Amino acid sequence: MKKIKLPYLLQGILASIGDLFLFRLSRRLSGHAVAQWTLLCSLLSWFMAYCCTRTLTNSTEMVLVTMALYYFPWPSLPGGNLKTFTLLAATAVIVRPTSAVLWLPLCTWQLIQCKSENLKASLRIYFLIGLSVLGMSTIIDRIFYEHWVVAPLNFMQFNIMSGGSSFYGTNPWHWYFSQGIPAVLGVNVVPFLLGIRCSNTKIPLLLIIWFTAVLSFLPHKEFRFLLPVLPLSMHYCGEYLHSISIITRQSCKKDGKVAVAVEEKRSDVQEYSWANSYKIHRKLPDVKPHDSIESSQKLNAKLFKSDKRFNSKKAYKVKCTILLLGTFNLLPFLYFSLIHQRGTVDVMNYLHNVALNQTLDNGTMAVNDLNFMFLMPCHSTPYYSFLHFNVSMRFLTCEPNLNQRNDYKDEAEIFFLDPNKWLIDEYKCKGCKLPTHIVYFNSLEENIFEFLMQNRYQKCAQYFHSHIPEGRIGSHVIVSCR
């Protein structure tokens, strides 16, 4: 199974690039100290870790969006590169057209901020680069599909115009706000909300709200669709952690007069940074000529004594916050990555070994005798990307209702209405070759038991899948072979 490591490795490299540009973006928006905390929050995020190394287009879209936002020419901030931004933004739209929802308000805002002489130049850049990326994508699709296809247009037409995405499940309009964001952020939702309150940068928040609100109009919703704005959410988590790591001292008053330590004024503030050691900086008021040296020395001693207690409490609070975030992110990450719904992957490893042993024992052509059948909801398991053998395989299909038939039912739906009857009808013809291995969830076992017994199938393997079986998804994946 060594061959499947390369996609994970490449996706991991892509994820690290996303982390780098998230740090740079946060530094542009709020400074180096906030960027450090933002990066820490991103590394601790369970959903970020869960999705980033998976070969999902949403993960690639998230990285491209983060890079594009870094290069975006924010009006009040130095830096930015409109050409690079447009190239990355257009590429993100090609990967997943949903990212266009983010670019519409941003590009409009940028054009409004442009002076008359720069407006034409900006429009020219948007048009030329956007058209070039779309043209390149169309040519690539033409080569592989062997006919002209504009993939983003098809995406919009199927998912938005015709509402075809609802075929794969629907959710209420508030689902992203009531369930999606809380689940994706997890325990990070607390520093996220607190970070919004203490942050002076509200544009990323408006982008998060806009993106989530627009996607809420689509009936089909998934957690992974929120990935493009997850890095912006981590920025606000970083804002909060930075705010609680800062200590400032106000002027101390004694008998109506300001008493201060006679020393060089410093404009620094105290910060507990996870990236370096804890340094003590006190913000002291200006020194005035009438200040008493004696009173200053007394207050200086009092300040440092109180500083020690105050700094200790502040550092303790920061450490506890990081510990809580780390613990409550690590637990769901380990569970969902290593335990939950792992059966559909484990069974593919088993089938790979079956094909491998068949090849080693009887030669390369022996795999032609194998025939795998998946009696599960469509796309429940990986396919040839895990198997790496030219073995006949079949799964229950679930094509959408492209012809808009009123009585339409896909193959999977028809099968689950009467599984045993479907199997008998499918293999009743003379000469029909029965599958050598049938893969299914344990929730289906009773419904196909008669067919399995009649054709002398035996249980060859069983793998744990989920602690929370639901509907057609069982707690275990079973392999029956003959």
Protein backbone atom coordinates (compact mmCIF):
# COMPACT_ATOMS: atom_id res chain seq x y z
CA MET A 1 0.00 0.00 0.00
CA LYS A 2 2.98 2.33 -0.35
CA LYS A 3 1.59 3.90 -3.50
CA ILE A 4 -1.17 5.72 -1.64
CA LYS A 5 1.31 7.64 0.51
CA LEU A 6 2.26 10.10 -2.23
CA PRO A 7 -1.12 11.90 -2.44
CA TYR A 8 -1.09 12.34 1.34
CA LEU A 9 2.45 13.69 1.20
CA LEU A 10 1.62 16.17 -1.55
CA GLN A 11 -1.49 17.30 0.29
CA GLY A 12 0.56 17.72 3.46
CA ILE A 13 2.99 19.98 1.60
CA LEU A 14 0.06 21.99 0.28
CA ALA A 15 -1.35 22.27 3.81
CA SER A 16 1.99 23.59 5.12
CA ILE A 17 1.97 26.24 2.40
CA GLY A 18 -1.50 27.22 3.59
CA ASP A 19 -0.20 27.57 7.17
CA LEU A 20 2.66 29.75 5.98
CA PHE A 21 0.37 32.12 4.09
CA LEU A 22 -2.11 32.21 6.96
CA PHE A 23 0.72 33.44 9.18
CA ARG A 24 1.66 36.07 6.58
CA LEU A 25 -1.96 37.14 6.12
CA SER A 26 -2.53 37.51 9.86
CA ARG A 27 0.73 39.47 10.15
CA ARG A 28 -0.43 41.88 7.44
CA LEU A 29 -3.78 42.37 9.14
CA SER A 30 -2.77 42.64 12.81
CA GLY A 31 0.98 42.33 13.29
CA HIS A 32 3.58 39.68 14.03
CA ALA A 33 2.42 38.82 17.56
CA VAL A 34 -1.16 38.09 16.47
CA ALA A 35 0.16 36.05 13.54
CA GLN A 36 2.04 33.75 15.93
CA TRP A 37 -1.10 33.04 17.92
CA THR A 38 -3.13 32.60 14.74
CA LEU A 39 -0.70 29.98 13.48
CA LEU A 40 -0.88 28.16 16.82
CA CYS A 41 -4.70 28.13 16.69
CA SER A 42 -4.58 26.79 13.13
CA LEU A 43 -2.20 24.01 14.12
CA LEU A 44 -4.43 23.09 17.07
CA SER A 45 -7.67 23.12 15.05
CA TRP A 46 -9.05 19.58 14.86
CA PHE A 47 -11.02 20.16 11.66
CA MET A 48 -8.09 21.82 9.92
CA ALA A 49 -5.87 18.85 10.76
CA TYR A 50 -8.62 16.41 9.81
CA CYS A 51 -9.22 17.86 6.33
CA CYS A 52 -5.93 19.43 5.23
CA THR A 53 -4.12 16.19 4.41
CA ARG A 54 -7.12 14.68 2.62
CA THR A 55 -7.31 14.91 -1.14
CA LEU A 56 -10.42 17.10 -1.11
CA THR A 57 -10.88 19.95 -3.55
CA ASN A 58 -12.09 21.97 -0.57
CA SER A 59 -8.64 21.64 1.06
CA THR A 60 -6.95 22.92 -2.09
CA GLU A 61 -9.54 25.70 -2.36
CA MET A 62 -8.81 26.75 1.23
CA VAL A 63 -5.07 27.04 0.58
CA LEU A 64 -5.57 29.01 -2.63
CA VAL A 65 -8.04 31.35 -0.90
CA THR A 66 -5.60 31.99 1.96
CA MET A 67 -2.77 32.74 -0.46
CA ALA A 68 -4.99 35.03 -2.53
CA LEU A 69 -6.14 36.95 0.55
CA TYR A 70 -2.52 37.55 1.52
CA TYR A 71 -1.76 39.10 -1.88
CA PHE A 72 -5.02 41.08 -1.98
CA PRO A 73 -4.30 44.85 -2.07
CA TRP A 74 -6.04 45.80 1.16
CA PRO A 75 -6.64 49.57 0.83
CA SER A 76 -5.30 50.57 4.25
CA LEU A 77 -2.37 48.14 4.34
CA PRO A 78 0.99 48.22 2.56
CA GLY A 79 2.00 45.43 0.22
CA GLY A 80 -0.27 43.30 -1.90
CA ASN A 81 -0.04 42.33 -5.53
CA LEU A 82 -3.16 42.56 -7.67
CA LYS A 83 -1.82 40.31 -10.44
CA THR A 84 -0.81 37.51 -8.08
CA PHE A 85 -4.08 37.86 -6.20
CA THR A 86 -6.11 37.60 -9.41
CA LEU A 87 -4.16 34.55 -10.58
CA LEU A 88 -4.68 32.70 -7.29
CA ALA A 89 -8.31 33.79 -6.95
CA ALA A 90 -9.12 32.66 -10.49
CA THR A 91 -7.41 29.32 -9.89
CA ALA A 92 -9.45 28.85 -6.71
CA VAL A 93 -12.64 29.46 -8.70
CA ILE A 94 -11.60 26.83 -11.24
CA VAL A 95 -10.91 24.32 -8.45
CA ARG A 96 -14.22 25.10 -6.74
CA PRO A 97 -16.46 27.86 -8.11
CA THR A 98 -17.90 28.52 -4.65
CA SER A 99 -14.84 30.66 -3.84
CA ALA A 100 -16.22 33.25 -6.26
CA VAL A 101 -18.60 34.18 -3.44
CA LEU A 102 -15.61 35.62 -1.54
CA TRP A 103 -14.11 37.46 -4.49
CA LEU A 104 -17.26 39.29 -5.55
CA PRO A 105 -17.39 41.73 -2.57
CA LEU A 106 -13.60 41.97 -2.24
CA CYS A 107 -12.99 42.84 -5.89
CA THR A 108 -15.90 45.28 -5.88
CA TRP A 109 -14.45 46.97 -2.80
CA GLN A 110 -11.02 47.14 -4.40
CA LEU A 111 -12.41 48.73 -7.57
CA ILE A 112 -14.38 51.30 -5.57
CA GLN A 113 -11.19 52.27 -3.71
CA CYS A 114 -9.29 52.70 -6.98
CA LYS A 115 -8.64 56.14 -8.38
CA SER A 116 -9.85 56.83 -11.89
CA GLU A 117 -6.42 56.22 -13.45
CA ASN A 118 -6.04 52.86 -11.68
CA LEU A 119 -9.58 51.63 -12.32
CA LYS A 120 -8.94 50.71 -15.96
CA ALA A 121 -5.67 48.99 -15.06
CA SER A 122 -7.38 46.89 -12.36
CA LEU A 123 -10.23 45.92 -14.70
CA ARG A 124 -7.69 44.95 -17.36
CA ILE A 125 -5.83 42.70 -14.90
CA TYR A 126 -9.05 41.02 -13.72
CA PHE A 127 -10.21 40.43 -17.28
CA LEU A 128 -6.96 39.21 -18.84
CA ILE A 129 -5.81 36.92 -16.02
CA GLY A 130 -9.30 35.58 -15.31
CA LEU A 131 -9.91 34.83 -18.99
CA SER A 132 -6.49 33.20 -19.34
CA VAL A 133 -7.05 30.86 -16.37
CA LEU A 134 -10.52 29.94 -17.61
CA GLY A 135 -9.16 29.29 -21.11
CA MET A 136 -6.38 27.05 -19.80
CA SER A 137 -8.87 25.08 -17.70
CA THR A 138 -11.20 24.66 -20.67
CA ILE A 139 -8.35 23.37 -22.87
CA ILE A 140 -7.34 20.81 -20.22
CA ASP A 141 -10.96 19.66 -19.93
CA ARG A 142 -11.16 19.39 -23.71
CA ILE A 143 -8.14 17.09 -23.75
CA PHE A 144 -9.49 14.71 -21.10
CA TYR A 145 -13.24 14.82 -21.86
CA GLU A 146 -12.59 14.84 -25.62
CA HIS A 147 -15.24 17.51 -26.12
CA TRP A 148 -15.60 21.15 -25.09
CA VAL A 149 -16.65 21.57 -21.46
CA VAL A 150 -16.74 24.65 -19.24
CA ALA A 151 -16.58 22.95 -15.83
CA PRO A 152 -17.36 26.02 -13.64
CA LEU A 153 -20.42 26.76 -15.76
CA ASN A 154 -21.64 23.15 -15.41
CA PHE A 155 -21.00 23.35 -11.67
CA MET A 156 -23.13 26.48 -11.33
CA GLN A 157 -25.87 25.13 -13.57
CA PHE A 158 -26.21 21.80 -11.74
CA ASN A 159 -25.78 22.95 -8.13
CA ILE A 160 -27.48 26.36 -8.27
CA MET A 161 -29.66 26.75 -11.33
CA SER A 162 -31.26 23.29 -11.30
CA GLY A 163 -30.78 22.55 -7.58
CA GLY A 164 -29.23 19.18 -8.37
CA SER A 165 -27.14 19.19 -5.20
CA SER A 166 -30.30 18.63 -3.14
CA PHE A 167 -30.34 15.09 -4.53
CA TYR A 168 -27.51 14.29 -2.08
CA GLY A 169 -29.34 15.61 0.98
CA THR A 170 -30.79 18.87 2.25
CA ASN A 171 -30.45 20.89 5.43
CA PRO A 172 -32.35 23.88 6.87
CA TRP A 173 -31.18 27.38 5.93
CA HIS A 174 -29.63 28.03 9.38
CA TRP A 175 -27.60 24.80 9.43
CA TYR A 176 -24.20 26.45 8.84
CA PHE A 177 -24.75 28.92 11.69
CA SER A 178 -26.46 26.55 14.13
CA GLN A 179 -24.44 23.39 13.47
CA GLY A 180 -21.76 23.86 10.81
CA ILE A 181 -19.61 26.59 12.34
CA PRO A 182 -19.87 25.28 15.96
CA ALA A 183 -18.88 21.78 14.83
CA VAL A 184 -16.04 22.92 12.57
CA LEU A 185 -14.55 25.29 15.15
CA GLY A 186 -15.24 23.02 18.11
CA VAL A 187 -13.82 24.49 21.30
CA ASN A 188 -12.21 27.24 19.19
CA VAL A 189 -15.64 28.85 18.87
CA VAL A 190 -15.07 30.48 22.28
CA PRO A 191 -11.82 32.36 21.41
CA PHE A 192 -13.31 33.07 17.98
CA LEU A 193 -16.29 34.94 19.44
CA LEU A 194 -14.14 36.70 22.04
CA GLY A 195 -11.59 37.59 19.38
CA ILE A 196 -14.26 39.30 17.31
CA ARG A 197 -15.03 41.58 20.24
CA CYS A 198 -11.44 42.63 20.87
CA SER A 199 -10.29 42.88 17.23
CA ASN A 200 -10.06 46.13 15.31
CA THR A 201 -10.11 44.29 11.97
CA LYS A 202 -13.69 43.53 10.93
CA ILE A 203 -13.34 42.92 7.17
CA PRO A 204 -12.46 39.19 7.61
CA LEU A 205 -15.54 38.81 9.84
CA LEU A 206 -17.74 40.35 7.16
CA LEU A 207 -16.27 37.90 4.63
CA ILE A 208 -17.04 34.95 6.93
CA ILE A 209 -20.63 36.11 7.43
CA TRP A 210 -21.13 36.86 3.73
CA PHE A 211 -19.70 33.53 2.56
CA THR A 212 -21.68 31.52 5.10
CA ALA A 213 -24.91 33.41 4.41
CA VAL A 214 -24.69 32.91 0.64
CA LEU A 215 -23.96 29.18 1.01
CA SER A 216 -26.95 28.93 3.35
CA PHE A 217 -29.26 29.53 0.38
CA LEU A 218 -28.12 26.23 -1.17
CA PRO A 219 -30.14 23.24 0.10
CA HIS A 220 -27.20 20.80 0.20
CA LYS A 221 -24.73 21.62 2.98
CA GLU A 222 -21.58 19.95 4.29
CA PHE A 223 -19.03 20.81 6.95
CA ARG A 224 -16.17 20.83 4.44
CA PHE A 225 -17.80 23.63 2.46
CA LEU A 226 -16.79 26.01 5.27
CA LEU A 227 -13.08 25.34 4.82
CA PRO A 228 -12.34 28.51 2.76
CA VAL A 229 -13.24 30.78 5.70
CA LEU A 230 -11.78 28.57 8.46
CA PRO A 231 -8.34 30.31 8.29
CA LEU A 232 -10.05 33.70 8.77
CA SER A 233 -11.76 32.27 11.85
CA MET A 234 -8.37 31.20 13.18
CA HIS A 235 -7.22 34.81 12.81
CA TYR A 236 -9.84 35.93 15.33
CA CYS A 237 -8.86 33.11 17.68
CA GLY A 238 -5.31 34.46 17.43
CA GLU A 239 -6.58 37.96 18.19
CA TYR A 240 -8.11 36.75 21.44
CA LEU A 241 -5.07 34.79 22.59
CA HIS A 242 -2.91 37.79 21.83
CA SER A 243 -5.22 40.06 23.84
CA ILE A 244 -5.00 37.92 27.00
CA SER A 245 -1.22 37.69 26.66
CA ILE A 246 -0.82 41.48 26.80
CA ILE A 247 -0.27 43.30 30.11
CA THR A 248 -0.37 47.06 30.40
CA ARG A 249 0.17 49.25 33.47
CA GLN A 250 -1.75 52.44 34.06
CA SER A 251 -0.25 55.40 35.92
CA CYS A 252 -0.22 54.94 39.68
CA LYS A 253 -1.45 57.80 41.83
CA LYS A 254 -0.47 58.57 45.39
CA ASP A 255 -1.91 61.46 47.37
CA GLY A 256 -3.18 63.02 44.16
CA LYS A 257 0.28 63.10 42.62
CA VAL A 258 1.73 60.77 40.05
CA ALA A 259 4.59 58.75 41.45
CA VAL A 260 6.70 56.91 38.93
CA ALA A 261 9.95 55.11 38.77
CA VAL A 262 12.76 57.30 37.52
CA GLU A 263 14.05 55.33 34.62
CA GLU A 264 14.00 55.49 30.86
CA LYS A 265 10.42 55.45 29.52
CA ARG A 266 9.50 52.35 27.58
CA SER A 267 6.55 52.02 25.19
CA ASP A 268 6.60 48.25 25.23
CA VAL A 269 3.82 46.10 26.58
CA GLN A 270 4.21 42.79 28.28
CA GLU A 271 3.35 39.70 26.23
CA TYR A 272 3.47 36.00 26.88
CA SER A 273 4.45 34.60 23.50
CA TRP A 274 4.33 30.89 22.74
CA ALA A 275 7.20 31.36 20.28
CA ASN A 276 9.71 32.82 22.72
CA SER A 277 10.49 33.21 26.39
CA TYR A 278 8.40 35.31 28.74
CA LYS A 279 9.83 38.83 28.89
CA ILE A 280 8.80 41.49 31.36
CA HIS A 281 8.09 44.91 29.90
CA ARG A 282 6.20 47.57 31.83
CA LYS A 283 4.53 50.58 30.30
CA LEU A 284 5.58 53.52 32.45
CA PRO A 285 4.32 57.09 32.33
CA ASP A 286 6.54 60.05 31.58
CA VAL A 287 9.03 61.21 34.19
CA LYS A 288 8.39 64.71 35.51
CA PRO A 289 11.00 66.99 37.13
CA HIS A 290 9.11 67.35 40.44
CA ASP A 291 8.95 63.59 40.99
CA SER A 292 10.61 62.52 44.16
CA ILE A 293 13.50 60.10 43.81
CA GLU A 294 12.61 58.51 47.11
CA SER A 295 8.94 58.04 46.28
CA SER A 296 9.92 56.72 42.87
CA GLN A 297 12.18 54.11 44.38
CA LYS A 298 9.43 52.98 46.78
CA LEU A 299 6.88 52.75 44.00
CA ASN A 300 9.40 50.98 41.79
CA ALA A 301 9.81 48.26 44.41
CA LYS A 302 6.04 48.00 44.86
CA LEU A 303 5.52 47.76 41.09
CA PHE A 304 7.97 44.93 40.63
CA LYS A 305 6.53 43.09 43.61
CA SER A 306 2.99 43.37 42.26
CA ASP A 307 4.26 42.61 38.75
CA LYS A 308 5.47 39.22 39.90
CA ARG A 309 2.03 38.25 41.18
CA PHE A 310 0.20 39.83 38.27
CA ASN A 311 2.49 38.30 35.64
CA SER A 312 2.20 34.88 37.24
CA LYS A 313 -1.61 34.97 37.05
CA LYS A 314 -1.54 36.20 33.47
CA ALA A 315 0.89 33.53 32.34
CA TYR A 316 -1.15 30.87 34.13
CA LYS A 317 -4.29 31.99 32.31
CA VAL A 318 -2.58 31.83 28.92
CA LYS A 319 -1.10 28.41 29.62
CA CYS A 320 -4.45 27.03 30.77
CA THR A 321 -6.17 28.40 27.67
CA ILE A 322 -3.62 26.76 25.37
CA LEU A 323 -3.85 23.49 27.30
CA LEU A 324 -7.65 23.45 27.02
CA LEU A 325 -7.58 24.27 23.32
CA GLY A 326 -4.98 21.59 22.68
CA THR A 327 -6.79 18.91 24.67
CA PHE A 328 -10.28 19.51 23.32
CA ASN A 329 -8.97 19.71 19.74
CA LEU A 330 -6.75 16.66 20.04
CA LEU A 331 -9.53 14.37 21.26
CA PRO A 332 -11.93 14.87 18.30
CA PHE A 333 -9.02 14.86 15.86
CA LEU A 334 -7.79 11.46 17.08
CA TYR A 335 -11.30 10.02 17.22
CA PHE A 336 -12.45 11.17 13.77
CA SER A 337 -9.09 10.45 12.13
CA LEU A 338 -8.31 7.04 13.62
CA ILE A 339 -11.59 5.49 14.82
CA HIS A 340 -14.77 6.96 13.38
CA GLN A 341 -15.86 5.50 10.01
CA ARG A 342 -12.58 3.69 9.43
CA GLY A 343 -14.18 0.44 8.30
CA THR A 344 -14.61 1.52 4.68
CA VAL A 345 -10.87 2.17 4.47
CA ASP A 346 -9.82 -0.97 6.33
CA VAL A 347 -11.90 -3.12 4.01
CA MET A 348 -10.07 -1.72 0.99
CA ASN A 349 -6.76 -2.69 2.57
CA TYR A 350 -8.17 -6.19 3.00
CA LEU A 351 -9.29 -6.38 -0.64
CA HIS A 352 -5.89 -5.10 -1.75
CA ASN A 353 -4.23 -7.93 0.15
CA VAL A 354 -6.66 -10.44 -1.38
CA ALA A 355 -5.69 -9.29 -4.87
CA LEU A 356 -2.00 -9.23 -3.94
CA ASN A 357 -2.06 -12.79 -2.57
CA GLN A 358 -3.94 -13.98 -5.64
CA THR A 359 -1.25 -12.50 -7.84
CA LEU A 360 1.63 -13.96 -5.82
CA ASP A 361 0.06 -17.43 -5.71
CA ASN A 362 -1.28 -17.76 -9.25
CA GLY A 363 0.32 -15.05 -11.37
CA THR A 364 -0.72 -11.63 -12.63
CA MET A 365 -3.68 -12.84 -14.71
CA ALA A 366 -5.23 -14.52 -11.67
CA VAL A 367 -6.76 -11.24 -10.51
CA ASN A 368 -9.17 -11.50 -13.46
CA ASP A 369 -10.97 -14.21 -11.51
CA LEU A 370 -11.77 -11.77 -8.71
CA ASN A 371 -14.99 -9.77 -8.68
CA PHE A 372 -15.84 -7.33 -5.88
CA MET A 373 -19.37 -6.05 -5.26
CA PHE A 374 -20.16 -3.18 -2.87
CA LEU A 375 -23.73 -3.26 -1.56
CA MET A 376 -23.49 0.06 0.25
CA PRO A 377 -24.64 3.65 -0.26
CA CYS A 378 -22.75 4.86 -3.32
CA HIS A 379 -19.17 6.11 -2.89
CA SER A 380 -18.96 4.72 0.65
CA THR A 381 -15.44 3.35 0.07
CA PRO A 382 -12.35 4.40 -1.84
CA TYR A 383 -11.99 2.62 -5.15
CA TYR A 384 -9.02 1.87 -7.42
CA SER A 385 -6.95 4.56 -5.69
CA PHE A 386 -6.54 2.06 -2.83
CA LEU A 387 -6.67 -1.21 -4.72
CA HIS A 388 -4.03 -0.76 -7.46
CA PHE A 389 -5.06 -3.94 -9.23
CA ASN A 390 -7.10 -4.43 -12.40
CA VAL A 391 -9.91 -6.21 -10.57
CA SER A 392 -13.57 -6.11 -11.65
CA MET A 393 -15.49 -4.02 -9.14
CA ARG A 394 -18.98 -2.64 -8.97
CA PHE A 395 -20.90 -0.40 -6.57
CA LEU A 396 -24.50 0.76 -6.42
CA THR A 397 -24.78 3.91 -8.49
CA CYS A 398 -26.61 7.10 -7.51
CA GLU A 399 -26.70 9.32 -10.59
CA PRO A 400 -28.78 12.46 -10.08
CA ASN A 401 -32.08 12.96 -11.87
CA LEU A 402 -30.65 14.80 -14.87
CA ASN A 403 -33.74 14.12 -17.00
CA GLN A 404 -36.08 15.51 -14.32
CA ARG A 405 -38.25 12.38 -14.16
CA ASN A 406 -41.01 12.49 -11.55
CA ASP A 407 -40.72 8.82 -10.59
CA TYR A 408 -36.92 8.67 -10.70
CA LYS A 409 -35.06 6.34 -8.34
CA ASP A 410 -31.35 5.67 -8.58
CA GLU A 411 -29.90 2.16 -8.42
CA ALA A 412 -28.96 2.39 -4.75
CA GLU A 413 -32.47 3.49 -3.81
CA ILE A 414 -34.04 0.63 -5.79
CA PHE A 415 -31.69 -1.88 -4.16
CA PHE A 416 -32.47 -0.83 -0.59
CA LEU A 417 -36.23 -1.10 -1.21
CA ASP A 418 -35.82 -4.89 -1.49
CA PRO A 419 -32.15 -6.01 -1.35
CA ASN A 420 -32.74 -9.76 -1.65
CA LYS A 421 -35.06 -9.40 -4.66
CA TRP A 422 -32.60 -7.06 -6.38
CA LEU A 423 -29.76 -9.58 -6.00
CA ILE A 424 -31.89 -12.46 -7.31
CA ASP A 425 -32.98 -10.43 -10.34
CA GLU A 426 -29.43 -9.24 -10.99
CA TYR A 427 -27.84 -12.70 -11.01
CA LYS A 428 -30.69 -14.99 -12.08
CA CYS A 429 -29.53 -15.27 -15.70
CA LYS A 430 -27.58 -18.37 -16.73
CA GLY A 431 -23.89 -17.73 -16.93
CA CYS A 432 -24.05 -14.62 -14.77
CA LYS A 433 -20.88 -14.55 -12.76
CA LEU A 434 -21.45 -14.09 -9.06
CA PRO A 435 -19.09 -11.76 -7.16
CA THR A 436 -16.25 -13.48 -5.36
CA HIS A 437 -16.51 -10.91 -2.55
CA ILE A 438 -19.51 -8.91 -1.39
CA VAL A 439 -18.93 -5.87 0.86
CA TYR A 440 -21.78 -4.47 2.95
CA PHE A 441 -22.69 -2.93 6.31
CA ASN A 442 -23.91 -5.19 9.09
CA SER A 443 -27.26 -3.35 9.06
CA LEU A 444 -27.93 -5.06 5.70
CA GLU A 445 -26.94 -8.57 6.79
CA GLU A 446 -30.45 -9.81 7.68
CA ASN A 447 -31.90 -8.54 4.39
CA ILE A 448 -29.45 -10.44 2.16
CA PHE A 449 -28.93 -13.47 4.40
CA GLU A 450 -31.06 -15.71 2.17
CA PHE A 451 -29.09 -14.83 -0.96
CA LEU A 452 -25.77 -15.37 0.82
CA MET A 453 -26.78 -18.81 2.12
CA GLN A 454 -28.19 -19.98 -1.21
CA ASN A 455 -24.95 -19.12 -2.98
CA ARG A 456 -22.65 -20.47 -0.25
CA TYR A 457 -21.09 -17.21 0.85
CA GLN A 458 -19.18 -17.15 4.10
CA LYS A 459 -18.13 -14.24 6.28
CA CYS A 460 -14.45 -13.64 5.51
CA ALA A 461 -13.78 -10.39 7.33
CA GLN A 462 -15.45 -7.81 9.54
CA TYR A 463 -14.22 -4.31 10.44
CA PHE A 464 -15.42 -1.74 12.93
CA HIS A 465 -16.85 1.38 11.29
CA SER A 466 -18.76 3.64 13.66
CA HIS A 467 -20.05 3.94 17.20
CA ILE A 468 -23.04 5.85 15.83
CA PRO A 469 -24.72 3.78 13.09
CA GLU A 470 -27.33 5.72 11.20
CA GLY A 471 -29.80 4.63 8.53
CA ARG A 472 -28.04 2.51 5.94
CA ILE A 473 -24.65 3.03 7.60
CA GLY A 474 -23.96 0.23 10.07
CA SER A 475 -21.50 -0.12 12.92
CA HIS A 476 -19.36 -2.68 11.05
CA VAL A 477 -18.32 -3.45 7.48
CA ILE A 478 -18.60 -7.13 6.50
CA VAL A 479 -16.98 -9.04 3.64
CA SER A 480 -18.63 -12.27 2.47
CA CYS A 481 -16.75 -14.44 -0.01
CA ARG A 482 -17.20 -17.75 -1.83
